[in-house]
Amino acid sequence: MSRLLPFPIFPPQASTLAPRTDHLLFYLLAMSGLMSVLIAALIFYFSVRYRRRPGNERATQVDGSNRLEIGWSVVPLVVFLFTYVWGANVFFFAYTPPPDALELYGVGKQWMWKFQHLSGQREINELHVPVARPVKVLLTSQDVIHSFYVPAFRVKQDALPGRYTEAWFEATVPGTYHLFCAEYCGTLHSGMIGSVVVMEPAAFEQWLAGGATTSPAERGLQLFQSLACNTCHRADALARAPDLAGLFGRQVHLKSGAVLRADEAYLRRSILDPATDIVQGYEAIMPTFKGLVTEEGILDLIEYIKSLGTAAKAEP
């Protein structure tokens, strides 16, 4: 599977990002090595050529050269600009998931990885994905900072408590690849390992069908009703909180005059700290659910709200 067989110290290149990252790395290593050798050679040459010796006890004034000054200013500038553009191109590719990416959720927890597929399947320390299809993982942490790291994909993204971050990849070679936590997270950090199983599309669909369970949106609806959220968030005259249909992705006007986009971070903040962003036209009457809803429960609620948005857009 590896495209770097002569160099076993490198993990296999198993994603669309891997060769881009490696080519940039090899270029930087080559440039650094070349400049190191050149500088060392010049130091040695000048130390010998201009050493103190009989008849040459005092240094002589050397007039400057405009060509030399321009040369060692312009050439490094061009090299650095070229490196910057190349690096920026790789950066934007690595952090811009395609809009049609397969979405799923990941939660880091001492000391395991928990994954949630939108079709309902849940996994612990193992993640099944299809080959040749972009996959976007929305990450968060239940306790401390963790880091989602798949060496074969050249993907590394911190999972932070209280925040959402994104990691995406497109696997190119079927197989099983190591998954690590790359941020020290406690005494059993070294045991927080898992695997990403890359499957052919047909095999992946078969795997999904074999473990079908209640979807996150369905669980979110059950949690929404059990927490009595539907008594306030409704579309009739008795509503005491905003209607959630079509909310996700929409611009929200706050009482403070600010305007926010209703993304996953906004919804999470509204569930756990509702007094932070009061919607225009409503009062701060919603209680906090901090400590009452798990990270998985919050993700279920978010998926339920997303499903309302999808259903609203589908209406004529």
C-alpha atoms as a PDB file:
ATOM      1  CA  MET A   1       0.000   0.000   0.000  1.00  0.00           C
ATOM      2  CA  SER A   2       2.912   2.325   0.601  1.00  0.00           C
ATOM      3  CA  ARG A   3       4.238   4.520  -2.179  1.00  0.00           C
ATOM      4  CA  LEU A   4       7.380   5.137  -0.146  1.00  0.00           C
ATOM      5  CA  LEU A   5       8.688   1.557  -0.002  1.00  0.00           C
ATOM      6  CA  PRO A   6      12.410   2.535  -0.037  1.00  0.00           C
ATOM      7  CA  PHE A   7      11.745   4.658   3.080  1.00  0.00           C
ATOM      8  CA  PRO A   8       9.838   2.508   5.618  1.00  0.00           C
ATOM      9  CA  ILE A   9      10.162   5.228   8.249  1.00  0.00           C
ATOM     10  CA  PHE A  10       7.316   7.015   6.458  1.00  0.00           C
ATOM     11  CA  PRO A  11       3.726   5.770   6.842  1.00  0.00           C
ATOM     12  CA  PRO A  12       1.884   4.783   3.661  1.00  0.00           C
ATOM     13  CA  GLN A  13       0.268   7.454   1.532  1.00  0.00           C
ATOM     14  CA  ALA A  14      -3.402   6.517   1.798  1.00  0.00           C
ATOM     15  CA  SER A  15      -5.272   9.781   1.187  1.00  0.00           C
ATOM     16  CA  THR A  16      -5.457  12.602  -1.323  1.00  0.00           C
ATOM     17  CA  LEU A  17      -3.702  14.897   1.165  1.00  0.00           C
ATOM     18  CA  ALA A  18      -0.758  12.562   1.858  1.00  0.00           C
ATOM     19  CA  PRO A  19       1.244  13.071  -1.383  1.00  0.00           C
ATOM     20  CA  ARG A  20       0.658  16.835  -1.277  1.00  0.00           C
ATOM     21  CA  THR A  21       2.000  17.003   2.271  1.00  0.00           C
ATOM     22  CA  ASP A  22       4.944  14.710   1.546  1.00  0.00           C
ATOM     23  CA  HIS A  23       6.021  16.599  -1.567  1.00  0.00           C
ATOM     24  CA  LEU A  24       6.072  19.850   0.398  1.00  0.00           C
ATOM     25  CA  LEU A  25       7.971  18.154   3.246  1.00  0.00           C
ATOM     26  CA  PHE A  26      10.608  16.706   0.887  1.00  0.00           C
ATOM     27  CA  TYR A  27      11.022  20.078  -0.793  1.00  0.00           C
ATOM     28  CA  LEU A  28      11.551  21.805   2.570  1.00  0.00           C
ATOM     29  CA  LEU A  29      14.023  19.118   3.649  1.00  0.00           C
ATOM     30  CA  ALA A  30      15.917  19.429   0.360  1.00  0.00           C
ATOM     31  CA  MET A  31      16.064  23.219   0.548  1.00  0.00           C
ATOM     32  CA  SER A  32      17.125  23.163   4.204  1.00  0.00           C
ATOM     33  CA  GLY A  33      19.798  20.544   3.487  1.00  0.00           C
ATOM     34  CA  LEU A  34      21.079  22.427   0.452  1.00  0.00           C
ATOM     35  CA  MET A  35      21.317  25.721   2.336  1.00  0.00           C
ATOM     36  CA  SER A  36      22.982  24.033   5.310  1.00  0.00           C
ATOM     37  CA  VAL A  37      25.645  22.468   3.085  1.00  0.00           C
ATOM     38  CA  LEU A  38      26.137  25.724   1.166  1.00  0.00           C
ATOM     39  CA  ILE A  39      26.515  27.812   4.325  1.00  0.00           C
ATOM     40  CA  ALA A  40      28.875  25.273   5.921  1.00  0.00           C
ATOM     41  CA  ALA A  41      31.002  25.187   2.760  1.00  0.00           C
ATOM     42  CA  LEU A  42      31.179  28.981   2.591  1.00  0.00           C
ATOM     43  CA  ILE A  43      32.131  29.222   6.270  1.00  0.00           C
ATOM     44  CA  PHE A  44      34.926  26.718   5.718  1.00  0.00           C
ATOM     45  CA  TYR A  45      36.105  28.453   2.534  1.00  0.00           C
ATOM     46  CA  PHE A  46      36.131  31.946   4.060  1.00  0.00           C
ATOM     47  CA  SER A  47      37.817  30.745   7.264  1.00  0.00           C
ATOM     48  CA  VAL A  48      40.662  29.330   5.173  1.00  0.00           C
ATOM     49  CA  ARG A  49      40.789  31.999   2.493  1.00  0.00           C
ATOM     50  CA  TYR A  50      40.808  34.955   4.866  1.00  0.00           C
ATOM     51  CA  ARG A  51      42.634  33.451   7.845  1.00  0.00           C
ATOM     52  CA  ARG A  52      45.233  35.475   9.701  1.00  0.00           C
ATOM     53  CA  ARG A  53      48.760  34.747   8.451  1.00  0.00           C
ATOM     54  CA  PRO A  54      52.131  36.477   8.124  1.00  0.00           C
ATOM     55  CA  GLY A  55      51.839  39.460   5.862  1.00  0.00           C
ATOM     56  CA  ASN A  56      48.093  39.606   6.282  1.00  0.00           C
ATOM     57  CA  GLU A  57      47.612  40.591   9.922  1.00  0.00           C
ATOM     58  CA  ARG A  58      44.986  43.249   9.368  1.00  0.00           C
ATOM     59  CA  ALA A  59      41.690  43.032   7.505  1.00  0.00           C
ATOM     60  CA  THR A  60      41.329  45.148   4.403  1.00  0.00           C
ATOM     61  CA  GLN A  61      38.256  47.091   3.404  1.00  0.00           C
ATOM     62  CA  VAL A  62      36.173  45.351   0.765  1.00  0.00           C
ATOM     63  CA  ASP A  63      33.833  47.515  -1.288  1.00  0.00           C
ATOM     64  CA  GLY A  64      30.247  46.324  -1.612  1.00  0.00           C
ATOM     65  CA  SER A  65      28.684  44.910  -4.774  1.00  0.00           C
ATOM     66  CA  ASN A  66      25.234  46.046  -5.829  1.00  0.00           C
ATOM     67  CA  ARG A  67      24.765  42.903  -7.905  1.00  0.00           C
ATOM     68  CA  LEU A  68      25.625  40.720  -4.930  1.00  0.00           C
ATOM     69  CA  GLU A  69      23.316  42.681  -2.602  1.00  0.00           C
ATOM     70  CA  ILE A  70      20.420  42.460  -5.050  1.00  0.00           C
ATOM     71  CA  GLY A  71      21.104  38.801  -5.734  1.00  0.00           C
ATOM     72  CA  TRP A  72      21.058  37.598  -2.151  1.00  0.00           C
ATOM     73  CA  SER A  73      17.940  39.683  -1.473  1.00  0.00           C
ATOM     74  CA  VAL A  74      15.873  38.783  -4.534  1.00  0.00           C
ATOM     75  CA  VAL A  75      16.714  35.076  -4.836  1.00  0.00           C
ATOM     76  CA  PRO A  76      15.713  34.187  -1.230  1.00  0.00           C
ATOM     77  CA  LEU A  77      12.575  36.355  -1.615  1.00  0.00           C
ATOM     78  CA  VAL A  78      11.504  34.386  -4.693  1.00  0.00           C
ATOM     79  CA  VAL A  79      12.254  31.084  -2.963  1.00  0.00           C
ATOM     80  CA  PHE A  80      10.294  32.077   0.155  1.00  0.00           C
ATOM     81  CA  LEU A  81       7.319  33.374  -1.863  1.00  0.00           C
ATOM     82  CA  PHE A  82       7.256  30.144  -3.866  1.00  0.00           C
ATOM     83  CA  THR A  83       7.347  28.138  -0.636  1.00  0.00           C
ATOM     84  CA  TYR A  84       4.604  30.286   0.893  1.00  0.00           C
ATOM     85  CA  VAL A  85       2.268  29.865  -2.085  1.00  0.00           C
ATOM     86  CA  TRP A  86       2.870  26.110  -2.155  1.00  0.00           C
ATOM     87  CA  GLY A  87       2.314  25.790   1.597  1.00  0.00           C
ATOM     88  CA  ALA A  88      -0.830  27.947   1.490  1.00  0.00           C
ATOM     89  CA  ASN A  89      -2.217  25.780  -1.311  1.00  0.00           C
ATOM     90  CA  VAL A  90      -1.694  22.626   0.777  1.00  0.00           C
ATOM     91  CA  PHE A  91      -3.137  24.328   3.866  1.00  0.00           C
ATOM     92  CA  PHE A  92      -6.342  25.430   2.160  1.00  0.00           C
ATOM     93  CA  PHE A  93      -6.768  21.993   0.603  1.00  0.00           C
ATOM     94  CA  ALA A  94      -6.296  20.325   4.007  1.00  0.00           C
ATOM     95  CA  TYR A  95      -8.824  22.560   5.791  1.00  0.00           C
ATOM     96  CA  THR A  96     -11.526  22.969   3.132  1.00  0.00           C
ATOM     97  CA  PRO A  97     -13.738  19.886   3.040  1.00  0.00           C
ATOM     98  CA  PRO A  98     -15.754  19.365  -0.164  1.00  0.00           C
ATOM     99  CA  PRO A  99     -19.451  20.255   0.185  1.00  0.00           C
ATOM    100  CA  ASP A 100     -20.485  16.701  -0.707  1.00  0.00           C
ATOM    101  CA  ALA A 101     -18.334  15.076   1.996  1.00  0.00           C
ATOM    102  CA  LEU A 102     -19.814  12.254   4.061  1.00  0.00           C
ATOM    103  CA  GLU A 103     -20.449  13.771   7.501  1.00  0.00           C
ATOM    104  CA  LEU A 104     -20.056  12.056  10.857  1.00  0.00           C
ATOM    105  CA  TYR A 105     -19.254  12.983  14.451  1.00  0.00           C
ATOM    106  CA  GLY A 106     -16.305  12.149  16.669  1.00  0.00           C
ATOM    107  CA  VAL A 107     -15.993  12.630  20.434  1.00  0.00           C
ATOM    108  CA  GLY A 108     -12.701  12.257  22.271  1.00  0.00           C
ATOM    109  CA  LYS A 109     -12.911  10.933  25.812  1.00  0.00           C
ATOM    110  CA  GLN A 110     -10.380   9.661  28.319  1.00  0.00           C
ATOM    111  CA  TRP A 111      -9.316   7.338  26.828  1.00  0.00           C
ATOM    112  CA  MET A 112     -11.230   6.399  23.700  1.00  0.00           C
ATOM    113  CA  TRP A 113     -12.634   7.694  20.434  1.00  0.00           C
ATOM    114  CA  LYS A 114     -16.399   7.519  19.920  1.00  0.00           C
ATOM    115  CA  PHE A 115     -17.804   7.960  16.404  1.00  0.00           C
ATOM    116  CA  GLN A 116     -21.374   8.503  15.268  1.00  0.00           C
ATOM    117  CA  HIS A 117     -22.612   7.943  11.708  1.00  0.00           C
ATOM    118  CA  LEU A 118     -25.673   9.896  10.619  1.00  0.00           C
ATOM    119  CA  SER A 119     -27.408   6.649   9.695  1.00  0.00           C
ATOM    120  CA  GLY A 120     -27.221   5.570  13.346  1.00  0.00           C
ATOM    121  CA  GLN A 121     -24.140   3.366  13.676  1.00  0.00           C
ATOM    122  CA  ARG A 122     -21.879   4.061  16.614  1.00  0.00           C
ATOM    123  CA  GLU A 123     -18.269   2.984  16.930  1.00  0.00           C
ATOM    124  CA  ILE A 124     -15.620   3.044  19.644  1.00  0.00           C
ATOM    125  CA  ASN A 125     -11.933   3.215  18.670  1.00  0.00           C
ATOM    126  CA  GLU A 126     -12.823   2.128  15.150  1.00  0.00           C
ATOM    127  CA  LEU A 127     -14.069   4.137  12.198  1.00  0.00           C
ATOM    128  CA  HIS A 128     -15.405   2.606   8.981  1.00  0.00           C
ATOM    129  CA  VAL A 129     -15.317   4.823   5.896  1.00  0.00           C
ATOM    130  CA  PRO A 130     -15.604   4.280   2.118  1.00  0.00           C
ATOM    131  CA  VAL A 131     -12.647   4.601  -0.225  1.00  0.00           C
ATOM    132  CA  ALA A 132     -12.525   7.422  -2.795  1.00  0.00           C
ATOM    133  CA  ARG A 133     -15.123   9.524  -1.001  1.00  0.00           C
ATOM    134  CA  PRO A 134     -14.469  12.659   1.098  1.00  0.00           C
ATOM    135  CA  VAL A 135     -15.287  12.200   4.786  1.00  0.00           C
ATOM    136  CA  LYS A 136     -15.755  15.100   7.225  1.00  0.00           C
ATOM    137  CA  VAL A 137     -15.536  14.457  10.970  1.00  0.00           C
ATOM    138  CA  LEU A 138     -16.951  17.073  13.347  1.00  0.00           C
ATOM    139  CA  LEU A 139     -14.816  16.715  16.480  1.00  0.00           C
ATOM    140  CA  THR A 140     -15.224  17.691  20.103  1.00  0.00           C
ATOM    141  CA  SER A 141     -13.985  16.461  23.480  1.00  0.00           C
ATOM    142  CA  GLN A 142     -15.888  15.392  26.549  1.00  0.00           C
ATOM    143  CA  ASP A 143     -13.102  16.212  29.015  1.00  0.00           C
ATOM    144  CA  VAL A 144      -9.606  17.413  27.990  1.00  0.00           C
ATOM    145  CA  ILE A 145      -7.821  18.264  24.736  1.00  0.00           C
ATOM    146  CA  HIS A 146      -7.376  15.279  22.445  1.00  0.00           C
ATOM    147  CA  SER A 147      -6.014  15.172  18.893  1.00  0.00           C
ATOM    148  CA  PHE A 148      -7.390  13.104  16.011  1.00  0.00           C
ATOM    149  CA  TYR A 149      -4.326  11.833  14.134  1.00  0.00           C
ATOM    150  CA  VAL A 150      -4.180   9.357  11.231  1.00  0.00           C
ATOM    151  CA  PRO A 151      -0.549   9.216  10.002  1.00  0.00           C
ATOM    152  CA  ALA A 152      -1.365   7.418   6.742  1.00  0.00           C
ATOM    153  CA  PHE A 153      -3.785  10.222   5.832  1.00  0.00           C
ATOM    154  CA  ARG A 154      -1.477  13.035   7.072  1.00  0.00           C
ATOM    155  CA  VAL A 155      -4.481  14.321   9.029  1.00  0.00           C
ATOM    156  CA  LYS A 156      -4.213  15.790  12.522  1.00  0.00           C
ATOM    157  CA  GLN A 157      -6.847  17.938  14.228  1.00  0.00           C
ATOM    158  CA  ASP A 158      -7.302  18.801  17.909  1.00  0.00           C
ATOM    159  CA  ALA A 159     -10.576  17.882  19.593  1.00  0.00           C
ATOM    160  CA  LEU A 160     -11.320  20.616  22.139  1.00  0.00           C
ATOM    161  CA  PRO A 161     -13.734  20.586  25.084  1.00  0.00           C
ATOM    162  CA  GLY A 162     -16.550  23.063  24.557  1.00  0.00           C
ATOM    163  CA  ARG A 163     -15.795  23.615  20.868  1.00  0.00           C
ATOM    164  CA  TYR A 164     -16.244  21.960  17.494  1.00  0.00           C
ATOM    165  CA  THR A 165     -13.409  21.436  15.022  1.00  0.00           C
ATOM    166  CA  GLU A 166     -13.393  19.744  11.625  1.00  0.00           C
ATOM    167  CA  ALA A 167     -11.111  17.173  10.047  1.00  0.00           C
ATOM    168  CA  TRP A 168     -11.614  15.739   6.593  1.00  0.00           C
ATOM    169  CA  PHE A 169      -9.886  13.213   4.396  1.00  0.00           C
ATOM    170  CA  GLU A 170     -10.422  11.147   1.273  1.00  0.00           C
ATOM    171  CA  ALA A 171      -8.911   7.691   1.561  1.00  0.00           C
ATOM    172  CA  THR A 172      -7.399   6.313  -1.637  1.00  0.00           C
ATOM    173  CA  VAL A 173      -6.346   2.797  -0.647  1.00  0.00           C
ATOM    174  CA  PRO A 174      -8.566   0.228   1.138  1.00  0.00           C
ATOM    175  CA  GLY A 175      -7.099  -1.139   4.350  1.00  0.00           C
ATOM    176  CA  THR A 176      -6.849  -0.586   8.089  1.00  0.00           C
ATOM    177  CA  TYR A 177      -4.860   2.382   9.361  1.00  0.00           C
ATOM    178  CA  HIS A 178      -3.705   3.522  12.790  1.00  0.00           C
ATOM    179  CA  LEU A 179      -5.641   6.207  14.651  1.00  0.00           C
ATOM    180  CA  PHE A 180      -3.880   7.957  17.524  1.00  0.00           C
ATOM    181  CA  CYS A 181      -4.460  10.723  20.026  1.00  0.00           C
ATOM    182  CA  ALA A 182      -1.548  13.073  19.374  1.00  0.00           C
ATOM    183  CA  GLU A 183      -2.113  15.291  22.436  1.00  0.00           C
ATOM    184  CA  TYR A 184      -1.105  14.140  25.919  1.00  0.00           C
ATOM    185  CA  CYS A 185      -4.440  13.676  27.670  1.00  0.00           C
ATOM    186  CA  GLY A 186      -3.712  11.772  30.894  1.00  0.00           C
ATOM    187  CA  THR A 187      -2.147   8.677  32.350  1.00  0.00           C
ATOM    188  CA  LEU A 188      -3.565   6.297  29.718  1.00  0.00           C
ATOM    189  CA  HIS A 189      -2.844   8.562  26.758  1.00  0.00           C
ATOM    190  CA  SER A 190      -0.630   5.917  25.153  1.00  0.00           C
ATOM    191  CA  GLY A 191      -3.556   3.500  25.120  1.00  0.00           C
ATOM    192  CA  MET A 192      -5.907   5.872  23.287  1.00  0.00           C
ATOM    193  CA  ILE A 193      -5.449   4.228  19.915  1.00  0.00           C
ATOM    194  CA  GLY A 194      -7.846   2.960  17.306  1.00  0.00           C
ATOM    195  CA  SER A 195      -8.108   2.229  13.618  1.00  0.00           C
ATOM    196  CA  VAL A 196      -9.721   3.615  10.478  1.00  0.00           C
ATOM    197  CA  VAL A 197     -11.092   0.858   8.257  1.00  0.00           C
ATOM    198  CA  VAL A 198     -11.261   1.960   4.616  1.00  0.00           C
ATOM    199  CA  MET A 199     -13.681  -0.161   2.600  1.00  0.00           C
ATOM    200  CA  GLU A 200     -14.856  -0.449  -0.980  1.00  0.00           C
ATOM    201  CA  PRO A 201     -18.119   1.498  -1.468  1.00  0.00           C
ATOM    202  CA  ALA A 202     -20.255  -1.638  -1.842  1.00  0.00           C
ATOM    203  CA  ALA A 203     -18.738  -3.235   1.257  1.00  0.00           C
ATOM    204  CA  PHE A 204     -19.225  -0.002   3.206  1.00  0.00           C
ATOM    205  CA  GLU A 205     -22.897   0.210   2.250  1.00  0.00           C
ATOM    206  CA  GLN A 206     -23.318  -3.410   3.292  1.00  0.00           C
ATOM    207  CA  TRP A 207     -21.648  -2.642   6.619  1.00  0.00           C
ATOM    208  CA  LEU A 208     -23.973   0.318   7.158  1.00  0.00           C
ATOM    209  CA  ALA A 209     -27.049  -1.764   6.364  1.00  0.00           C
ATOM    210  CA  GLY A 210     -25.957  -4.532   8.717  1.00  0.00           C
ATOM    211  CA  GLY A 211     -25.833  -2.292  11.757  1.00  0.00           C
ATOM    212  CA  ALA A 212     -28.776   0.002  11.181  1.00  0.00           C
ATOM    213  CA  THR A 213     -30.037   1.600  14.397  1.00  0.00           C
ATOM    214  CA  THR A 214     -31.927   4.709  15.422  1.00  0.00           C
ATOM    215  CA  SER A 215     -30.472   7.724  13.646  1.00  0.00           C
ATOM    216  CA  PRO A 216     -29.047  10.700  15.586  1.00  0.00           C
ATOM    217  CA  ALA A 217     -31.932  12.880  14.344  1.00  0.00           C
ATOM    218  CA  GLU A 218     -34.466  10.393  15.723  1.00  0.00           C
ATOM    219  CA  ARG A 219     -32.657  10.195  19.049  1.00  0.00           C
ATOM    220  CA  GLY A 220     -32.486  13.985  19.044  1.00  0.00           C
ATOM    221  CA  LEU A 221     -36.269  14.181  18.628  1.00  0.00           C
ATOM    222  CA  GLN A 222     -36.760  11.843  21.582  1.00  0.00           C
ATOM    223  CA  LEU A 223     -34.386  13.904  23.719  1.00  0.00           C
ATOM    224  CA  PHE A 224     -36.018  17.143  22.520  1.00  0.00           C
ATOM    225  CA  GLN A 225     -39.389  15.906  23.728  1.00  0.00           C
ATOM    226  CA  SER A 226     -38.109  14.381  26.972  1.00  0.00           C
ATOM    227  CA  LEU A 227     -36.508  17.716  27.931  1.00  0.00           C
ATOM    228  CA  ALA A 228     -39.841  19.459  27.123  1.00  0.00           C
ATOM    229  CA  CYS A 229     -38.135  21.721  24.582  1.00  0.00           C
ATOM    230  CA  ASN A 230     -41.217  21.501  22.363  1.00  0.00           C
ATOM    231  CA  THR A 231     -43.292  23.418  24.924  1.00  0.00           C
ATOM    232  CA  CYS A 232     -41.430  26.629  24.052  1.00  0.00           C
ATOM    233  CA  HIS A 233     -39.873  26.011  20.639  1.00  0.00           C
ATOM    234  CA  ARG A 234     -43.016  25.848  18.537  1.00  0.00           C
ATOM    235  CA  ALA A 235     -44.577  27.551  15.540  1.00  0.00           C
ATOM    236  CA  ASP A 236     -47.895  28.679  17.038  1.00  0.00           C
ATOM    237  CA  ALA A 237     -48.988  31.665  19.127  1.00  0.00           C
ATOM    238  CA  LEU A 238     -47.946  29.946  22.372  1.00  0.00           C
ATOM    239  CA  ALA A 239     -44.288  29.910  21.375  1.00  0.00           C
ATOM    240  CA  ARG A 240     -41.921  31.435  23.933  1.00  0.00           C
ATOM    241  CA  ALA A 241     -38.750  30.600  21.993  1.00  0.00           C
ATOM    242  CA  PRO A 242     -37.739  30.708  18.315  1.00  0.00           C
ATOM    243  CA  ASP A 243     -39.163  28.150  15.909  1.00  0.00           C
ATOM    244  CA  LEU A 244     -36.363  25.746  14.986  1.00  0.00           C
ATOM    245  CA  ALA A 245     -37.651  24.757  11.541  1.00  0.00           C
ATOM    246  CA  GLY A 246     -35.154  25.908   8.924  1.00  0.00           C
ATOM    247  CA  LEU A 247     -32.910  27.437  11.593  1.00  0.00           C
ATOM    248  CA  PHE A 248     -29.643  25.667  10.780  1.00  0.00           C
ATOM    249  CA  GLY A 249     -27.447  27.748   8.492  1.00  0.00           C
ATOM    250  CA  ARG A 250     -29.658  30.827   8.789  1.00  0.00           C
ATOM    251  CA  GLN A 251     -28.621  34.275   9.982  1.00  0.00           C
ATOM    252  CA  VAL A 252     -29.848  34.923  13.540  1.00  0.00           C
ATOM    253  CA  HIS A 253     -30.467  38.473  14.787  1.00  0.00           C
ATOM    254  CA  LEU A 254     -29.687  38.830  18.479  1.00  0.00           C
ATOM    255  CA  LYS A 255     -31.135  41.147  21.083  1.00  0.00           C
ATOM    256  CA  SER A 256     -27.732  42.806  21.358  1.00  0.00           C
ATOM    257  CA  GLY A 257     -27.861  43.790  17.689  1.00  0.00           C
ATOM    258  CA  ALA A 258     -25.297  41.229  16.571  1.00  0.00           C
ATOM    259  CA  VAL A 259     -25.966  38.807  13.725  1.00  0.00           C
ATOM    260  CA  LEU A 260     -24.718  35.216  13.917  1.00  0.00           C
ATOM    261  CA  ARG A 261     -24.922  32.186  11.670  1.00  0.00           C
ATOM    262  CA  ALA A 262     -26.737  29.232  13.196  1.00  0.00           C
ATOM    263  CA  ASP A 263     -24.037  26.598  12.845  1.00  0.00           C
ATOM    264  CA  GLU A 264     -23.148  23.687  15.125  1.00  0.00           C
ATOM    265  CA  ALA A 265     -21.191  25.909  17.515  1.00  0.00           C
ATOM    266  CA  TYR A 266     -24.120  28.332  17.867  1.00  0.00           C
ATOM    267  CA  LEU A 267     -26.582  25.504  18.562  1.00  0.00           C
ATOM    268  CA  ARG A 268     -24.270  23.933  21.134  1.00  0.00           C
ATOM    269  CA  ARG A 269     -23.810  27.260  22.900  1.00  0.00           C
ATOM    270  CA  SER A 270     -27.566  27.857  22.892  1.00  0.00           C
ATOM    271  CA  ILE A 271     -28.161  24.479  24.575  1.00  0.00           C
ATOM    272  CA  LEU A 272     -25.493  24.775  27.254  1.00  0.00           C
ATOM    273  CA  ASP A 273     -25.346  28.542  27.787  1.00  0.00           C
ATOM    274  CA  PRO A 274     -28.615  29.983  26.428  1.00  0.00           C
ATOM    275  CA  ALA A 275     -28.185  33.373  28.098  1.00  0.00           C
ATOM    276  CA  THR A 276     -25.179  34.174  25.888  1.00  0.00           C
ATOM    277  CA  ASP A 277     -27.036  34.754  22.619  1.00  0.00           C
ATOM    278  CA  ILE A 278     -30.600  35.987  23.177  1.00  0.00           C
ATOM    279  CA  VAL A 279     -32.582  36.056  19.945  1.00  0.00           C
ATOM    280  CA  GLN A 280     -34.264  39.331  19.082  1.00  0.00           C
ATOM    281  CA  GLY A 281     -37.888  39.409  20.271  1.00  0.00           C
ATOM    282  CA  TYR A 282     -37.455  36.804  23.024  1.00  0.00           C
ATOM    283  CA  GLU A 283     -36.531  36.818  26.706  1.00  0.00           C
ATOM    284  CA  ALA A 284     -33.826  34.856  28.534  1.00  0.00           C
ATOM    285  CA  ILE A 285     -36.103  32.179  29.980  1.00  0.00           C
ATOM    286  CA  MET A 286     -34.405  29.040  28.668  1.00  0.00           C
ATOM    287  CA  PRO A 287     -32.587  27.028  31.377  1.00  0.00           C
ATOM    288  CA  THR A 288     -29.119  25.651  30.822  1.00  0.00           C
ATOM    289  CA  PHE A 289     -28.713  21.949  30.112  1.00  0.00           C
ATOM    290  CA  LYS A 290     -25.049  21.905  31.058  1.00  0.00           C
ATOM    291  CA  GLY A 291     -24.347  18.682  32.928  1.00  0.00           C
ATOM    292  CA  LEU A 292     -27.735  17.257  31.937  1.00  0.00           C
ATOM    293  CA  VAL A 293     -26.973  16.422  28.308  1.00  0.00           C
ATOM    294  CA  THR A 294     -23.897  14.484  27.177  1.00  0.00           C
ATOM    295  CA  GLU A 295     -21.779  15.453  24.185  1.00  0.00           C
ATOM    296  CA  GLU A 296     -23.472  12.683  22.208  1.00  0.00           C
ATOM    297  CA  GLY A 297     -26.862  14.048  23.265  1.00  0.00           C
ATOM    298  CA  ILE A 298     -25.933  17.529  22.069  1.00  0.00           C
ATOM    299  CA  LEU A 299     -24.915  16.113  18.696  1.00  0.00           C
ATOM    300  CA  ASP A 300     -28.232  14.256  18.500  1.00  0.00           C
ATOM    301  CA  LEU A 301     -30.127  17.481  19.190  1.00  0.00           C
ATOM    302  CA  ILE A 302     -28.107  19.292  16.534  1.00  0.00           C
ATOM    303  CA  GLU A 303     -28.909  16.582  13.993  1.00  0.00           C
ATOM    304  CA  TYR A 304     -32.584  16.840  14.880  1.00  0.00           C
ATOM    305  CA  ILE A 305     -32.524  20.608  14.310  1.00  0.00           C
ATOM    306  CA  LYS A 306     -30.684  20.048  11.023  1.00  0.00           C
ATOM    307  CA  SER A 307     -33.391  17.617   9.937  1.00  0.00           C
ATOM    308  CA  LEU A 308     -35.998  20.305  10.578  1.00  0.00           C
ATOM    309  CA  GLY A 309     -34.073  22.617   8.309  1.00  0.00           C
ATOM    310  CA  THR A 310     -33.863  20.018   5.574  1.00  0.00           C
ATOM    311  CA  ALA A 311     -37.543  19.280   5.829  1.00  0.00           C
ATOM    312  CA  ALA A 312     -38.421  22.992   5.703  1.00  0.00           C
ATOM    313  CA  LYS A 313     -36.323  23.540   2.580  1.00  0.00           C
ATOM    314  CA  ALA A 314     -38.003  20.580   0.911  1.00  0.00           C
ATOM    315  CA  GLU A 315     -41.458  22.098   1.340  1.00  0.00           C
ATOM    316  CA  PRO A 316     -42.907  23.919  -1.705  1.00  0.00           C
END
